[in-house]
Structure formats: C-alpha cells, structure tokens
N, C-alpha and C. Protein backbone atom coordinates (compact mmCIF):
# COMPACT_ATOMS: atom_id res chain seq x y z
N MET A 1 3.45 -0.47 20.30
CA MET A 1 4.30 0.84 20.40
C MET A 1 5.13 0.79 19.03
N SER A 2 5.21 2.05 18.54
CA SER A 2 6.05 2.31 17.21
C SER A 2 7.35 1.73 17.54
N ASP A 3 8.11 1.30 16.41
CA ASP A 3 9.41 0.88 16.54
C ASP A 3 10.33 1.87 15.72
N LEU A 4 9.86 3.07 15.56
CA LEU A 4 10.46 4.16 14.67
C LEU A 4 12.01 4.20 14.92
N LEU A 5 12.45 4.41 16.16
CA LEU A 5 13.88 4.62 16.45
C LEU A 5 14.60 3.37 15.95
N GLU A 6 14.03 2.17 16.30
CA GLU A 6 14.86 1.00 15.89
C GLU A 6 14.96 0.79 14.43
N ARG A 7 13.82 1.19 13.67
CA ARG A 7 13.92 1.05 12.19
C ARG A 7 14.74 2.07 11.65
N LEU A 8 14.85 3.33 12.24
CA LEU A 8 15.77 4.24 11.75
C LEU A 8 17.33 3.84 11.86
N ARG A 9 17.58 3.26 13.10
CA ARG A 9 18.88 2.68 13.33
C ARG A 9 19.29 1.62 12.34
N GLU A 10 18.40 0.72 12.11
CA GLU A 10 18.58 -0.47 11.20
C GLU A 10 18.93 0.00 9.79
N ARG A 11 18.31 1.13 9.37
CA ARG A 11 18.58 1.60 8.02
C ARG A 11 19.67 2.52 7.95
N GLY A 12 20.28 2.80 9.12
CA GLY A 12 21.59 3.70 9.08
C GLY A 12 21.29 5.15 8.91
N TRP A 13 20.01 5.59 9.24
CA TRP A 13 19.85 6.99 9.12
C TRP A 13 20.50 7.75 10.25
N ARG A 14 21.29 8.82 9.79
CA ARG A 14 22.19 9.48 10.78
C ARG A 14 21.19 10.13 11.84
N LEU A 15 21.45 9.77 13.09
CA LEU A 15 20.53 10.20 14.11
C LEU A 15 21.18 11.32 14.94
N THR A 16 21.28 12.50 14.37
CA THR A 16 21.77 13.70 15.02
C THR A 16 20.87 13.92 16.32
N ALA A 17 21.20 14.63 17.27
CA ALA A 17 20.42 14.96 18.45
C ALA A 17 19.01 15.62 18.08
N GLN A 18 19.01 16.33 17.19
CA GLN A 18 17.65 16.94 16.63
C GLN A 18 16.83 15.83 16.02
N ARG A 19 17.26 15.08 15.19
CA ARG A 19 16.54 13.83 14.47
C ARG A 19 16.14 12.85 15.65
N ARG A 20 16.98 12.62 16.53
CA ARG A 20 16.67 11.68 17.60
C ARG A 20 15.47 12.19 18.36
N VAL A 21 15.53 13.40 18.69
CA VAL A 21 14.29 13.99 19.54
C VAL A 21 13.08 14.00 18.75
N VAL A 22 13.08 14.37 17.38
CA VAL A 22 11.87 14.11 16.75
C VAL A 22 11.35 12.77 16.80
N ALA A 23 12.25 11.77 16.46
CA ALA A 23 11.89 10.34 16.37
C ALA A 23 11.28 10.02 17.78
N GLU A 24 11.88 10.38 18.94
CA GLU A 24 11.50 10.04 20.18
C GLU A 24 10.02 10.60 20.48
N VAL A 25 9.79 11.83 20.09
CA VAL A 25 8.44 12.40 20.22
C VAL A 25 7.45 11.63 19.43
N LEU A 26 7.76 11.06 18.36
CA LEU A 26 6.87 10.41 17.39
C LEU A 26 6.61 9.00 17.95
N ASP A 27 7.44 8.45 18.55
CA ASP A 27 7.38 7.02 19.05
C ASP A 27 6.27 6.75 20.02
N GLY A 28 5.53 5.76 19.69
CA GLY A 28 4.43 5.28 20.71
C GLY A 28 3.04 4.93 19.79
N ASP A 29 2.19 4.39 20.73
CA ASP A 29 0.96 3.97 20.17
C ASP A 29 0.14 5.23 19.97
N HIS A 30 -0.73 5.11 19.02
CA HIS A 30 -1.70 6.28 18.56
C HIS A 30 -1.22 7.64 18.52
N VAL A 31 0.06 7.74 17.92
CA VAL A 31 0.63 9.04 17.92
C VAL A 31 0.30 9.63 16.60
N HIS A 32 -0.31 10.71 16.70
CA HIS A 32 -0.69 11.39 15.32
C HIS A 32 -0.65 12.95 15.49
N TYR A 33 0.64 13.39 15.80
CA TYR A 33 0.99 14.72 16.10
C TYR A 33 0.85 15.71 14.81
N THR A 34 0.49 17.04 15.07
CA THR A 34 0.77 17.84 14.03
C THR A 34 2.21 18.19 14.15
N ALA A 35 2.82 18.84 13.09
CA ALA A 35 4.19 19.44 13.22
C ALA A 35 4.28 20.38 14.27
N ASP A 36 3.46 21.30 14.43
CA ASP A 36 3.55 22.17 15.61
C ASP A 36 3.72 21.48 17.02
N GLU A 37 2.90 20.35 17.16
CA GLU A 37 2.81 19.50 18.35
C GLU A 37 4.09 18.77 18.57
N VAL A 38 4.83 18.26 17.40
CA VAL A 38 6.00 17.70 17.53
C VAL A 38 7.02 18.69 17.91
N HIS A 39 7.09 19.86 17.30
CA HIS A 39 7.88 20.98 17.66
C HIS A 39 7.86 21.31 19.15
N ALA A 40 6.65 21.52 19.78
CA ALA A 40 6.40 21.84 21.03
C ALA A 40 6.98 20.72 22.09
N ARG A 41 6.65 19.42 21.71
CA ARG A 41 7.34 18.53 22.44
C ARG A 41 8.81 18.29 22.24
N ALA A 42 9.29 18.51 21.17
CA ALA A 42 10.82 18.44 20.97
C ALA A 42 11.45 19.59 21.73
N VAL A 43 10.90 20.66 21.77
CA VAL A 43 11.50 21.83 22.53
C VAL A 43 11.68 21.50 24.00
N GLU A 44 10.74 20.66 24.64
CA GLU A 44 10.84 20.30 26.01
C GLU A 44 12.03 19.44 26.29
N ARG A 45 12.46 18.61 25.07
CA ARG A 45 13.55 17.82 25.34
C ARG A 45 14.88 18.38 24.85
N LEU A 46 14.82 19.32 23.95
CA LEU A 46 16.03 19.97 23.36
C LEU A 46 15.54 21.43 22.94
N PRO A 47 15.64 22.37 23.89
CA PRO A 47 15.24 23.72 23.74
C PRO A 47 15.66 24.37 22.59
N GLU A 48 16.99 24.12 22.07
CA GLU A 48 17.37 24.86 20.92
C GLU A 48 16.78 24.38 19.51
N ILE A 49 15.95 23.39 19.52
CA ILE A 49 15.62 22.79 18.15
C ILE A 49 14.61 23.70 17.53
N SER A 50 14.83 24.00 16.19
CA SER A 50 14.14 24.97 15.55
C SER A 50 12.88 24.29 14.90
N ARG A 51 11.89 25.24 14.73
CA ARG A 51 10.67 24.62 13.79
C ARG A 51 11.00 24.25 12.51
N ALA A 52 12.03 24.85 11.88
CA ALA A 52 12.48 24.34 10.53
C ALA A 52 13.09 23.11 10.52
N THR A 53 13.89 22.96 11.47
CA THR A 53 14.58 21.44 11.72
C THR A 53 13.45 20.37 11.93
N VAL A 54 12.41 20.70 12.68
CA VAL A 54 11.32 19.66 12.94
C VAL A 54 10.68 19.36 11.66
N TYR A 55 10.26 20.46 10.87
CA TYR A 55 9.59 20.36 9.66
C TYR A 55 10.46 19.48 8.61
N ASN A 56 11.75 19.91 8.49
CA ASN A 56 12.55 19.27 7.55
C ASN A 56 12.70 17.77 7.96
N THR A 57 12.82 17.46 9.17
CA THR A 57 13.05 16.03 9.74
C THR A 57 11.59 15.35 9.38
N LEU A 58 10.63 15.85 9.67
CA LEU A 58 9.31 15.19 9.34
C LEU A 58 9.19 14.89 7.81
N GLY A 59 9.60 15.82 6.99
CA GLY A 59 9.54 15.71 5.58
C GLY A 59 10.41 14.48 5.14
N GLU A 60 11.63 14.42 5.76
CA GLU A 60 12.64 13.32 5.52
C GLU A 60 12.03 11.92 5.79
N LEU A 61 11.45 11.94 7.05
CA LEU A 61 10.81 10.75 7.50
C LEU A 61 9.63 10.26 6.70
N VAL A 62 8.85 11.29 6.18
CA VAL A 62 7.82 10.84 5.22
C VAL A 62 8.44 10.33 3.97
N SER A 63 9.38 11.01 3.36
CA SER A 63 9.96 10.76 2.17
C SER A 63 10.65 9.26 2.13
N ILE A 64 11.22 8.83 3.18
CA ILE A 64 11.79 7.61 3.28
C ILE A 64 10.85 6.43 3.65
N GLY A 65 9.63 6.89 3.89
CA GLY A 65 8.52 6.02 4.33
C GLY A 65 8.62 5.34 5.69
N GLU A 66 9.06 6.11 6.52
CA GLU A 66 9.04 5.70 7.93
C GLU A 66 8.11 6.41 8.79
N VAL A 67 7.35 7.37 8.14
CA VAL A 67 6.21 8.00 8.93
C VAL A 67 5.30 8.48 7.71
N VAL A 68 4.05 8.32 8.07
CA VAL A 68 2.90 8.64 7.19
C VAL A 68 2.18 9.79 7.56
N GLU A 69 1.94 10.65 6.40
CA GLU A 69 1.11 11.85 6.85
C GLU A 69 -0.18 11.56 6.77
N VAL A 70 -0.98 12.11 7.76
CA VAL A 70 -2.47 11.75 7.77
C VAL A 70 -3.21 13.17 7.46
N SER A 71 -4.03 13.35 6.58
CA SER A 71 -4.76 14.45 6.35
C SER A 71 -6.28 14.22 6.82
N THR A 72 -6.84 15.16 7.49
CA THR A 72 -8.15 14.90 8.10
C THR A 72 -9.01 16.27 7.95
N ASP A 73 -9.77 16.40 6.83
CA ASP A 73 -10.65 17.37 6.43
C ASP A 73 -10.25 18.73 6.61
N GLY A 74 -9.15 19.18 6.01
CA GLY A 74 -8.76 20.56 6.00
C GLY A 74 -7.91 20.89 7.31
N ARG A 75 -7.88 19.97 8.28
CA ARG A 75 -7.15 20.18 9.44
C ARG A 75 -5.69 20.10 9.17
N ALA A 76 -4.69 20.52 10.09
CA ALA A 76 -3.31 20.44 9.89
C ALA A 76 -3.00 18.88 9.67
N LYS A 77 -2.04 18.57 8.88
CA LYS A 77 -1.55 17.14 8.63
C LYS A 77 -0.98 16.76 9.99
N ARG A 78 -1.02 15.39 10.14
CA ARG A 78 -0.59 14.77 11.31
C ARG A 78 0.39 13.77 10.92
N TYR A 79 1.18 13.33 11.76
CA TYR A 79 2.40 12.27 11.41
C TYR A 79 2.20 11.17 12.28
N ASP A 80 2.12 9.97 11.59
CA ASP A 80 1.91 8.60 12.15
C ASP A 80 3.18 7.73 11.97
N PRO A 81 3.76 7.51 13.05
CA PRO A 81 5.01 6.56 12.99
C PRO A 81 4.79 5.20 12.63
N ASN A 82 3.53 4.75 12.71
CA ASN A 82 3.10 3.14 12.48
C ASN A 82 2.92 3.02 10.96
N ALA A 83 4.14 3.47 10.29
CA ALA A 83 4.04 3.25 8.77
C ALA A 83 4.11 1.73 8.43
N HIS A 84 4.70 0.86 9.30
CA HIS A 84 4.91 -0.52 8.86
C HIS A 84 3.94 -1.29 9.48
N HIS A 85 2.96 -0.89 10.13
CA HIS A 85 1.90 -1.77 10.75
C HIS A 85 0.59 -1.44 10.14
N ALA A 86 0.01 -2.41 9.46
CA ALA A 86 -1.19 -2.13 8.73
C ALA A 86 -2.29 -1.86 9.75
N HIS A 87 -2.93 -0.67 9.54
CA HIS A 87 -4.07 -0.25 10.26
C HIS A 87 -4.83 0.83 9.51
N GLN A 88 -6.03 1.12 10.22
CA GLN A 88 -6.90 2.33 9.64
C GLN A 88 -7.04 3.45 10.67
N HIS A 89 -7.74 4.31 10.39
CA HIS A 89 -7.84 5.46 11.39
C HIS A 89 -9.34 5.60 11.84
N LEU A 90 -9.60 5.96 13.05
CA LEU A 90 -10.81 6.30 13.59
C LEU A 90 -10.62 7.91 14.00
N ILE A 91 -11.48 8.80 13.43
CA ILE A 91 -11.30 10.16 13.73
C ILE A 91 -12.49 10.77 14.25
N CYS A 92 -12.30 11.48 15.33
CA CYS A 92 -13.37 12.30 15.92
C CYS A 92 -13.72 13.35 15.08
N SER A 93 -15.04 13.49 14.51
CA SER A 93 -15.36 14.65 13.66
C SER A 93 -15.46 16.08 14.38
N ARG A 94 -15.40 16.01 15.80
CA ARG A 94 -15.53 17.26 16.42
C ARG A 94 -14.13 17.82 16.78
N CYS A 95 -13.41 16.98 17.61
CA CYS A 95 -12.08 17.48 18.10
C CYS A 95 -10.85 17.09 17.40
N GLY A 96 -11.09 16.13 16.42
CA GLY A 96 -9.92 15.63 15.57
C GLY A 96 -9.10 14.61 16.26
N THR A 97 -9.40 14.03 17.31
CA THR A 97 -8.74 12.92 17.74
C THR A 97 -8.65 11.76 16.98
N ILE A 98 -7.34 11.23 16.76
CA ILE A 98 -7.13 10.06 15.97
C ILE A 98 -6.79 8.89 16.68
N ARG A 99 -7.38 7.72 16.42
CA ARG A 99 -6.84 6.45 17.03
C ARG A 99 -6.56 5.40 15.80
N ASP A 100 -5.60 4.65 16.06
CA ASP A 100 -5.37 3.63 15.17
C ASP A 100 -6.33 2.40 15.52
N VAL A 101 -6.88 1.83 14.33
CA VAL A 101 -7.79 0.74 14.55
C VAL A 101 -7.36 -0.42 13.70
N HIS A 102 -7.71 -1.58 13.97
CA HIS A 102 -7.31 -2.83 13.15
C HIS A 102 -8.64 -3.51 12.90
N PRO A 103 -9.28 -3.30 11.83
CA PRO A 103 -10.65 -3.83 11.53
C PRO A 103 -10.37 -5.40 11.04
N LEU A 104 -11.26 -6.26 11.24
CA LEU A 104 -11.16 -7.61 10.89
C LEU A 104 -11.46 -7.67 9.49
N GLY A 105 -10.82 -8.56 8.65
CA GLY A 105 -11.03 -8.75 7.32
C GLY A 105 -10.05 -7.98 6.38
N ASP A 106 -10.01 -8.18 5.33
CA ASP A 106 -9.21 -7.43 4.25
C ASP A 106 -9.94 -6.45 3.41
N PRO A 107 -9.73 -5.13 3.71
CA PRO A 107 -10.57 -4.23 2.82
C PRO A 107 -10.10 -4.22 1.41
N LEU A 108 -8.94 -4.63 1.10
CA LEU A 108 -8.71 -4.69 -0.22
C LEU A 108 -9.45 -5.77 -1.07
N SER A 109 -9.79 -6.78 -0.33
CA SER A 109 -10.55 -7.91 -0.94
C SER A 109 -12.11 -7.63 -0.91
N ASP A 110 -12.48 -6.68 -0.22
CA ASP A 110 -13.94 -6.19 -0.06
C ASP A 110 -14.44 -5.58 -1.31
N LEU A 111 -13.57 -5.13 -2.09
CA LEU A 111 -13.97 -4.31 -3.41
C LEU A 111 -14.24 -5.46 -4.47
N PRO A 112 -15.47 -5.60 -4.88
CA PRO A 112 -15.69 -6.58 -5.91
C PRO A 112 -15.00 -6.21 -7.29
N ASP A 113 -14.76 -7.42 -7.98
CA ASP A 113 -14.00 -7.16 -9.30
C ASP A 113 -14.72 -6.20 -10.15
N ALA A 114 -16.17 -6.31 -10.13
CA ALA A 114 -16.81 -5.31 -11.03
C ALA A 114 -16.75 -3.86 -10.67
N GLU A 115 -16.29 -3.57 -9.42
CA GLU A 115 -16.12 -2.20 -8.92
C GLU A 115 -14.65 -1.64 -9.12
N ARG A 116 -13.73 -2.48 -9.66
CA ARG A 116 -12.35 -2.04 -9.75
C ARG A 116 -12.06 -1.62 -11.20
N PHE A 117 -13.02 -1.61 -12.15
CA PHE A 117 -12.85 -0.85 -13.47
C PHE A 117 -11.55 -0.97 -14.06
N GLY A 118 -10.95 -2.30 -13.99
CA GLY A 118 -9.77 -2.63 -14.59
C GLY A 118 -8.43 -2.22 -13.80
N PHE A 119 -8.71 -1.49 -12.59
CA PHE A 119 -7.42 -1.00 -11.77
C PHE A 119 -6.83 -2.30 -11.14
N VAL A 120 -5.71 -2.26 -11.01
CA VAL A 120 -4.99 -3.28 -10.20
C VAL A 120 -4.66 -2.52 -8.75
N VAL A 121 -5.58 -2.77 -7.89
CA VAL A 121 -5.63 -2.14 -6.59
C VAL A 121 -4.52 -2.59 -5.64
N SER A 122 -3.61 -1.80 -5.08
CA SER A 122 -2.48 -2.10 -4.40
C SER A 122 -2.68 -1.63 -2.90
N GLN A 123 -3.42 -0.63 -2.73
CA GLN A 123 -3.53 -0.07 -1.34
C GLN A 123 -5.00 0.36 -1.11
N VAL A 124 -5.30 0.50 0.26
CA VAL A 124 -6.72 0.79 0.63
C VAL A 124 -6.61 1.71 1.92
N GLU A 125 -7.28 2.84 1.91
CA GLU A 125 -7.28 3.65 3.09
C GLU A 125 -8.66 3.87 3.44
N VAL A 126 -9.00 3.37 4.73
CA VAL A 126 -10.39 3.45 5.30
C VAL A 126 -10.35 4.38 6.42
N THR A 127 -11.11 5.34 6.52
CA THR A 127 -11.30 6.28 7.63
C THR A 127 -12.52 6.15 8.26
N TYR A 128 -12.65 5.72 9.51
CA TYR A 128 -13.88 5.64 10.32
C TYR A 128 -13.99 7.02 11.00
N ARG A 129 -15.26 7.58 11.00
CA ARG A 129 -15.48 8.95 11.64
C ARG A 129 -16.76 8.86 12.70
N GLY A 130 -16.57 9.64 13.61
CA GLY A 130 -17.54 9.74 14.69
C GLY A 130 -17.22 10.63 15.81
N LEU A 131 -17.80 10.50 16.91
CA LEU A 131 -17.56 11.29 18.00
C LEU A 131 -16.79 10.56 19.19
N CYS A 132 -15.61 11.09 19.60
CA CYS A 132 -14.98 10.46 20.78
C CYS A 132 -15.92 10.51 21.94
N PRO A 133 -15.39 9.70 23.00
CA PRO A 133 -16.15 9.64 24.26
C PRO A 133 -16.25 11.12 24.94
N GLY A 134 -15.30 12.01 24.75
CA GLY A 134 -15.28 13.29 25.19
C GLY A 134 -16.18 14.25 24.58
N CYS A 135 -16.42 13.91 23.28
CA CYS A 135 -17.37 14.89 22.47
C CYS A 135 -18.71 14.45 22.40
N HIS A 136 -19.05 13.19 22.70
CA HIS A 136 -20.46 12.76 22.56
C HIS A 136 -21.08 12.71 23.94
N SER A 137 -20.40 13.08 25.01
CA SER A 137 -21.36 13.00 26.38
C SER A 137 -21.91 14.41 26.61
C-alpha cells in the first residue's frame, strides 16, 4: 500500500480537507487513476471539491515528487502514488489497465557500457505491455 498520506504529513505539507481527500483517493496498491477518476472519487467523499482543485493538487503532488505521472500511448495521464517504491508498469494494450510490477534484476545494469554512448544513466523506465485477463479471454 502507498504511504502517501504519511509522507505528506512528514514533509509538513499543509493537508487541507481538499488535499487530504485527493491523497486518500490516491492511496493504495496499483492505483493509477486519471485526473477525472480522482475527481469523481473525491466528490464521493467531499461533494464540494472542484475539478480545478483536484488538478492543482495533482500538479503539486507531482512537482514535489510524491506522485508520478504515467503516460500511456496517447491516453489520459494517470497518477501513481508509489513514487518512492521502485517498480515498473504492466499495461493492457486494449483497456489500459495498469499494474505495478517488480521484475527481478536491475534494469539499469542490463544496458551494456557500449550501448550507453557516454551517457551517465541515472534512471530507467520499463513498460511491459500485453492483454489483461479480461481482454484476452
């Protein structure tokens, strides 16, 4: 489970009612909601929360490094609260379902020196694609 709320408290981020609701919606395993999905879930908890507030809060969470934006082939950006837990993504090519996966090994070390072209590589993003159980049956 994501520890987003705890991380925000520790860093002293001002948790207004609106920010708290957005963080609560994002908290959990395999959470990759679009901004509109975050808004729809937030409205269930706090009916007066505006779409603008949700978008602004998501932008702030991304800018402070507590949430990661995930882009998937022209689909709406999704927001991943597991910013501090190393993982990759498995994406259904048909419906867009995203799951966090933890492959064995270190993808950073899998790139041979000859293929680095003098770059000092600091980060790797690997995306696995396929069909989820609901789409391949």
